[in-house]
Structure formats: structure tokens, C-alpha cells
Amino acid sequence: MRLFGKSRNGGDDTTVFFATDLHGSEVCFRKFVAAAGFYGADLLVLGGDITGKFVSPVVENGDGWWSEVHGRRVALKAEELDGFEAQMADEMQKATAGLNLPGGLPGGLKLPF
């Protein structure tokens, strides 16, 4: 039985794609959205645990930016900001072992993985 409109496959069946525990990962969210087309899903359900494990605000201070990560203050230059934000967005994925900057994380900070 369809929930809304006609089924993608022309029948009365509804294909549901369910995912959970994205933990704030933009990479996983993009894969979740792409799953509708890949699996021919009529309905996507995101079950929960979608936020990241921590919040780390990035603050502008006039000379650049700073953030506090795992209790350590990190100073950021303008050219490091985009990479730092991307790394923090995907930290829970553990897909990269360091910030994609020459020399790794600013201030010699090491991530716990």
C-alpha cells in the first residue's frame, strides 16, 4: 500500500530505506539521500542519532579564528578554516586521520583516532 501518490515501480508496494546513527556526518547524510535513487526507495526514514558527538564553535577574534577541541584551544588562519570545519563535520567518520592541511592540524593538535 502506497503512503503518498504512485509507487516508483508502478505497483502498490512501497520501498522504504531506513538509516540511523549518522552522528552529524555530512558524508553519511549525502549517502542516505542518494540511497533513494540507488535502491529505488519511495520513502526515506532517518531514525535518530543524527547529531554529532560534540559541538565545537569556531570564533572570529580579529586576528583569525579559534576553536576548542577536546579541551584544547586551536588557533586557525583564514586558509585553514574550511579544512578545519570539514574535518570537524566528518570527525565521527574516522575517514581521515588528520586535517587535510599541509602539516596536519593547527597547533600540532592530534585527534583521538
Protein backbone atom coordinates (compact mmCIF):
# COMPACT_ATOMS: atom_id res chain seq x y z
CA MET A 1 0.00 0.00 0.00
CA ARG A 2 1.40 3.40 -1.03
CA LEU A 3 1.63 6.21 1.50
CA PHE A 4 1.59 9.09 -0.99
CA GLY A 5 1.00 9.09 -4.76
CA LYS A 6 2.05 6.33 -7.11
CA SER A 7 4.85 3.87 -6.48
CA ARG A 8 8.12 4.30 -8.40
CA ASN A 9 7.83 0.78 -9.74
CA GLY A 10 4.21 1.17 -10.82
CA GLY A 11 2.76 -1.27 -8.28
CA ASP A 12 1.12 -0.87 -4.91
CA ASP A 13 4.29 -1.73 -2.95
CA THR A 14 6.26 0.92 -1.07
CA THR A 15 10.03 0.56 -0.80
CA VAL A 16 11.36 2.12 2.42
CA PHE A 17 15.02 2.88 3.11
CA PHE A 18 15.77 3.29 6.84
CA ALA A 19 19.02 4.54 8.39
CA THR A 20 20.10 5.70 11.82
CA ASP A 21 23.19 6.78 13.77
CA LEU A 22 24.64 9.29 11.28
CA HIS A 23 26.21 11.24 14.18
CA GLY A 24 26.42 14.50 12.27
CA SER A 25 28.33 13.10 9.30
CA GLU A 26 27.62 15.02 6.12
CA VAL A 27 29.14 12.17 4.12
CA CYS A 28 26.66 9.67 5.57
CA PHE A 29 23.76 12.08 5.12
CA ARG A 30 24.60 12.52 1.42
CA LYS A 31 24.78 8.73 1.01
CA PHE A 32 21.44 8.39 2.80
CA VAL A 33 19.76 10.85 0.40
CA ALA A 34 21.39 9.19 -2.64
CA ALA A 35 20.08 5.79 -1.46
CA ALA A 36 16.57 6.65 -2.68
CA GLY A 37 17.69 6.59 -6.29
CA PHE A 38 20.19 3.76 -5.91
CA TYR A 39 17.77 1.35 -4.21
CA GLY A 40 14.60 2.69 -5.84
CA ALA A 41 13.17 3.71 -2.48
CA ASP A 42 9.84 5.51 -2.34
CA LEU A 43 10.38 6.70 1.21
CA LEU A 44 13.46 7.61 3.27
CA VAL A 45 13.32 7.36 7.07
CA LEU A 46 16.12 8.79 9.22
CA GLY A 47 15.69 7.11 12.58
CA GLY A 48 17.75 9.09 15.07
CA ASP A 49 21.18 9.79 16.50
CA ILE A 50 21.76 12.32 13.73
CA THR A 51 23.74 14.95 15.66
CA GLY A 52 27.47 14.85 16.20
CA LYS A 53 29.09 13.78 19.44
CA PHE A 54 30.12 17.31 20.39
CA VAL A 55 29.77 20.95 19.39
CA SER A 56 32.90 22.97 18.75
CA PRO A 57 32.10 26.60 17.91
CA VAL A 58 34.55 28.49 15.68
CA VAL A 59 35.00 32.06 16.92
CA GLU A 60 36.45 35.00 15.00
CA ASN A 61 38.81 37.09 17.13
CA GLY A 62 40.10 39.77 14.75
CA ASP A 63 43.42 38.00 14.02
CA GLY A 64 41.80 34.85 12.69
CA TRP A 65 39.62 32.24 14.36
CA TRP A 66 39.87 29.85 17.27
CA SER A 67 38.04 26.79 18.44
CA GLU A 68 38.26 24.44 21.39
CA VAL A 69 38.54 20.77 20.52
CA HIS A 70 38.70 18.09 23.22
CA GLY A 71 39.69 20.72 25.80
CA ARG A 72 42.48 22.27 23.72
CA ARG A 73 42.29 25.70 22.14
CA VAL A 74 43.19 25.70 18.43
CA ALA A 75 44.16 28.90 16.57
CA LEU A 76 43.12 28.96 12.92
CA LYS A 77 44.27 31.05 9.98
CA ALA A 78 41.89 32.02 7.18
CA GLU A 79 43.31 29.38 4.82
CA GLU A 80 42.82 26.65 7.47
CA LEU A 81 39.19 27.44 8.33
CA ASP A 82 37.41 25.49 5.56
CA GLY A 83 39.53 22.40 6.15
CA PHE A 84 39.02 22.57 9.91
CA GLU A 85 35.24 22.87 9.57
CA ALA A 86 35.15 19.95 7.12
CA GLN A 87 37.28 17.81 9.45
CA MET A 88 35.06 18.55 12.43
CA ALA A 89 31.94 17.76 10.38
CA ASP A 90 33.30 14.33 9.48
CA GLU A 91 35.32 13.52 12.61
CA MET A 92 32.97 10.77 13.69
CA GLN A 93 33.51 9.01 10.34
CA LYS A 94 37.20 8.49 11.09
CA ALA A 95 37.64 8.56 7.33
CA THR A 96 40.68 10.81 7.53
CA ALA A 97 43.32 10.58 10.22
CA GLY A 98 44.19 14.28 10.20
CA LEU A 99 43.14 17.59 8.82
CA ASN A 100 43.69 17.89 5.09
CA LEU A 101 46.24 20.67 5.54
CA PRO A 102 49.98 20.64 4.99
CA GLY A 103 51.46 19.72 8.36
CA GLY A 104 48.20 18.34 9.83
CA LEU A 105 46.10 20.09 12.46
CA PRO A 106 46.90 23.64 13.53
CA GLY A 107 48.97 23.96 16.68
CA GLY A 108 50.12 20.34 16.47
CA LEU A 109 46.74 19.12 17.77
CA LYS A 110 46.25 15.36 17.43
CA LEU A 111 42.78 13.88 17.12
CA PRO A 112 41.99 10.84 19.30
CA PHE A 113 41.85 8.34 16.42
